[in-house]
C-alpha atoms as a PDB file:
ATOM      1  CA  ALA A   1       0.000   0.000   0.000  1.00  0.00           C
ATOM      2  CA  ILE A   2       2.841   2.393   0.827  1.00  0.00           C
ATOM      3  CA  LYS A   3       4.673   1.599  -2.404  1.00  0.00           C
ATOM      4  CA  TYR A   4       1.706   2.632  -4.566  1.00  0.00           C
ATOM      5  CA  SER A   5       0.625   5.696  -2.574  1.00  0.00           C
ATOM      6  CA  ASN A   6       1.909   9.255  -2.335  1.00  0.00           C
ATOM      7  CA  ALA A   7       4.016  10.317   0.634  1.00  0.00           C
ATOM      8  CA  GLY A   8       1.918  11.191   3.669  1.00  0.00           C
ATOM      9  CA  THR A   9      -1.058   9.119   2.569  1.00  0.00           C
ATOM     10  CA  ASN A  10      -3.280   7.320   5.044  1.00  0.00           C
ATOM     11  CA  ILE A  11      -3.299   3.537   5.185  1.00  0.00           C
ATOM     12  CA  CYS A  12      -5.852   1.887   7.407  1.00  0.00           C
ATOM     13  CA  ILE A  13      -5.835  -1.712   8.654  1.00  0.00           C
ATOM     14  CA  ILE A  14      -9.089  -3.011  10.090  1.00  0.00           C
ATOM     15  CA  THR A  15      -9.662  -6.415  11.676  1.00  0.00           C
ATOM     16  CA  LYS A  16     -13.084  -7.961  12.201  1.00  0.00           C
ATOM     17  CA  ASN A  17     -14.449 -11.182  13.633  1.00  0.00           C
ATOM     18  CA  ARG A  18     -17.082 -12.564  11.278  1.00  0.00           C
ATOM     19  CA  ASP A  19     -18.647 -15.919  12.177  1.00  0.00           C
ATOM     20  CA  ARG A  20     -15.684 -18.333  12.233  1.00  0.00           C
ATOM     21  CA  PHE A  21     -13.380 -16.050  10.278  1.00  0.00           C
ATOM     22  CA  LEU A  22     -10.885 -13.276  10.878  1.00  0.00           C
ATOM     23  CA  VAL A  23     -11.277 -10.548   8.247  1.00  0.00           C
ATOM     24  CA  ILE A  24      -8.400  -8.119   7.656  1.00  0.00           C
ATOM     25  CA  GLU A  25      -8.925  -5.068   5.451  1.00  0.00           C
ATOM     26  CA  ILE A  26      -5.995  -2.997   4.186  1.00  0.00           C
ATOM     27  CA  ILE A  27      -7.277   0.304   2.832  1.00  0.00           C
ATOM     28  CA  ASP A  28      -5.135   2.816   0.978  1.00  0.00           C
ATOM     29  CA  GLU A  29      -5.553   6.111  -0.854  1.00  0.00           C
ATOM     30  CA  GLY A  30      -3.144   5.090  -3.614  1.00  0.00           C
ATOM     31  CA  ILE A  31      -3.308   5.059  -7.391  1.00  0.00           C
ATOM     32  CA  GLY A  32      -5.950   2.339  -7.522  1.00  0.00           C
ATOM     33  CA  ILE A  33      -6.278  -0.569  -9.916  1.00  0.00           C
ATOM     34  CA  ASP A  34      -8.473  -0.740 -12.987  1.00  0.00           C
ATOM     35  CA  SER A  35     -11.056  -3.534 -12.686  1.00  0.00           C
ATOM     36  CA  SER A  36      -9.658  -5.269 -15.776  1.00  0.00           C
ATOM     37  CA  PHE A  37      -6.547  -6.154 -13.730  1.00  0.00           C
ATOM     38  CA  HIS A  38      -8.189  -7.267 -10.465  1.00  0.00           C
ATOM     39  CA  GLN A  39      -7.720 -11.015 -11.053  1.00  0.00           C
ATOM     40  CA  LYS A  40      -4.337 -10.726 -12.784  1.00  0.00           C
ATOM     41  CA  ILE A  41      -2.600  -8.813  -9.965  1.00  0.00           C
ATOM     42  CA  PHE A  42      -2.373 -12.036  -7.951  1.00  0.00           C
ATOM     43  CA  ASP A  43      -0.500 -13.850 -10.760  1.00  0.00           C
ATOM     44  CA  LYS A  44       3.228 -14.383 -10.329  1.00  0.00           C
ATOM     45  CA  PHE A  45       5.318 -11.786 -12.230  1.00  0.00           C
ATOM     46  CA  PHE A  46       2.271  -9.753 -13.351  1.00  0.00           C
ATOM     47  CA  ARG A  47       2.712  -5.992 -13.296  1.00  0.00           C
ATOM     48  CA  ILE A  48       0.127  -3.504 -14.453  1.00  0.00           C
ATOM     49  CA  PRO A  49       1.335  -2.146 -17.798  1.00  0.00           C
ATOM     50  CA  THR A  50       2.569   1.449 -17.627  1.00  0.00           C
ATOM     51  CA  GLY A  51       4.260   1.768 -21.005  1.00  0.00           C
ATOM     52  CA  ASN A  52       7.988   2.467 -20.862  1.00  0.00           C
ATOM     53  CA  ILE A  53       7.745   4.260 -17.521  1.00  0.00           C
ATOM     54  CA  HIS A  54       8.514   2.126 -14.472  1.00  0.00           C
ATOM     55  CA  ALA A  55       8.718   4.610 -11.623  1.00  0.00           C
ATOM     56  CA  ILE A  56       7.767   1.866  -9.172  1.00  0.00           C
ATOM     57  CA  LYS A  57      10.301  -0.962  -9.053  1.00  0.00           C
ATOM     58  CA  GLY A  58       9.316  -4.563  -8.516  1.00  0.00           C
ATOM     59  CA  PHE A  59       9.021  -8.026  -9.991  1.00  0.00           C
ATOM     60  CA  GLY A  60       5.294  -8.707  -9.604  1.00  0.00           C
ATOM     61  CA  LEU A  61       5.773 -11.185  -6.771  1.00  0.00           C
ATOM     62  CA  GLY A  62       4.375  -9.509  -3.638  1.00  0.00           C
ATOM     63  CA  LEU A  63       0.667 -10.148  -4.166  1.00  0.00           C
ATOM     64  CA  ALA A  64       1.311 -13.595  -5.674  1.00  0.00           C
ATOM     65  CA  TYR A  65       3.290 -14.627  -2.588  1.00  0.00           C
ATOM     66  CA  SER A  66       0.710 -13.056  -0.270  1.00  0.00           C
ATOM     67  CA  LYS A  67      -2.097 -14.980  -1.970  1.00  0.00           C
ATOM     68  CA  LYS A  68      -0.150 -18.246  -1.765  1.00  0.00           C
ATOM     69  CA  ILE A  69       0.533 -17.853   1.965  1.00  0.00           C
ATOM     70  CA  ILE A  70      -3.091 -16.909   2.654  1.00  0.00           C
ATOM     71  CA  GLU A  71      -4.328 -19.924   0.669  1.00  0.00           C
ATOM     72  CA  MET A  72      -1.935 -22.202   2.588  1.00  0.00           C
ATOM     73  CA  HIS A  73      -3.863 -21.104   5.684  1.00  0.00           C
ATOM     74  CA  ASN A  74      -7.208 -21.906   3.953  1.00  0.00           C
ATOM     75  CA  GLY A  75      -7.938 -18.215   3.436  1.00  0.00           C
ATOM     76  CA  VAL A  76      -8.767 -15.954   0.522  1.00  0.00           C
ATOM     77  CA  ILE A  77      -7.686 -12.492  -0.589  1.00  0.00           C
ATOM     78  CA  THR A  78      -9.766 -10.157  -2.752  1.00  0.00           C
ATOM     79  CA  VAL A  79      -9.454  -6.584  -3.953  1.00  0.00           C
ATOM     80  CA  GLN A  80     -11.865  -3.710  -4.395  1.00  0.00           C
ATOM     81  CA  SER A  81     -10.337  -0.838  -6.313  1.00  0.00           C
ATOM     82  CA  GLU A  82     -10.821   1.860  -8.916  1.00  0.00           C
ATOM     83  CA  THR A  83      -8.204   3.869 -10.748  1.00  0.00           C
ATOM     84  CA  ASP A  84      -7.293   7.045  -8.808  1.00  0.00           C
ATOM     85  CA  LYS A  85      -9.542   6.043  -5.873  1.00  0.00           C
ATOM     86  CA  GLY A  86      -7.340   3.744  -3.833  1.00  0.00           C
ATOM     87  CA  SER A  87      -7.717   0.061  -2.986  1.00  0.00           C
ATOM     88  CA  VAL A  88      -9.122  -2.237  -0.339  1.00  0.00           C
ATOM     89  CA  PHE A  89      -7.511  -5.648   0.023  1.00  0.00           C
ATOM     90  CA  ILE A  90      -9.638  -8.067   2.048  1.00  0.00           C
ATOM     91  CA  ILE A  91      -8.057 -11.136   3.627  1.00  0.00           C
ATOM     92  CA  THR A  92     -10.373 -13.746   5.144  1.00  0.00           C
ATOM     93  CA  LEU A  93      -8.851 -16.466   7.326  1.00  0.00           C
ATOM     94  CA  PRO A  94     -10.697 -19.243   9.168  1.00  0.00           C
ATOM     95  CA  TYR A  95     -10.235 -19.623  12.885  1.00  0.00           C
ATOM     96  CA  ILE A  96      -8.467 -22.790  14.005  1.00  0.00           C
ATOM     97  CA  GLU A  97     -10.566 -24.911  16.283  1.00  0.00           C
ATOM     98  CA  THR A  98      -8.637 -25.907  19.414  1.00  0.00           C
ATOM     99  CA  GLU A  99      -9.501 -28.295  22.211  1.00  0.00           C
ATOM    100  CA  ASN A 100      -9.673 -26.963  25.764  1.00  0.00           C
END
């Protein structure tokens, strides 16, 4: 969120208990993501095309690795975003049942 936002921007992290799940929302005021890329951003090595300008360095691995780790914990990650309106990444993880 910091990488794709202007300096001094607000980033909010909210946690919620919902039924048998922990829901984590990461909300930023960054550059946003066009809806045509929402599914692709979780693919390994995918970067949103910006022409020949690459002001933001990276290899397109961060969200792919995040998704993989979340899925290994039986969770899911989704995104809600619009260009120039920021993004909300929602991570949903199941609680682990433990014996007392």
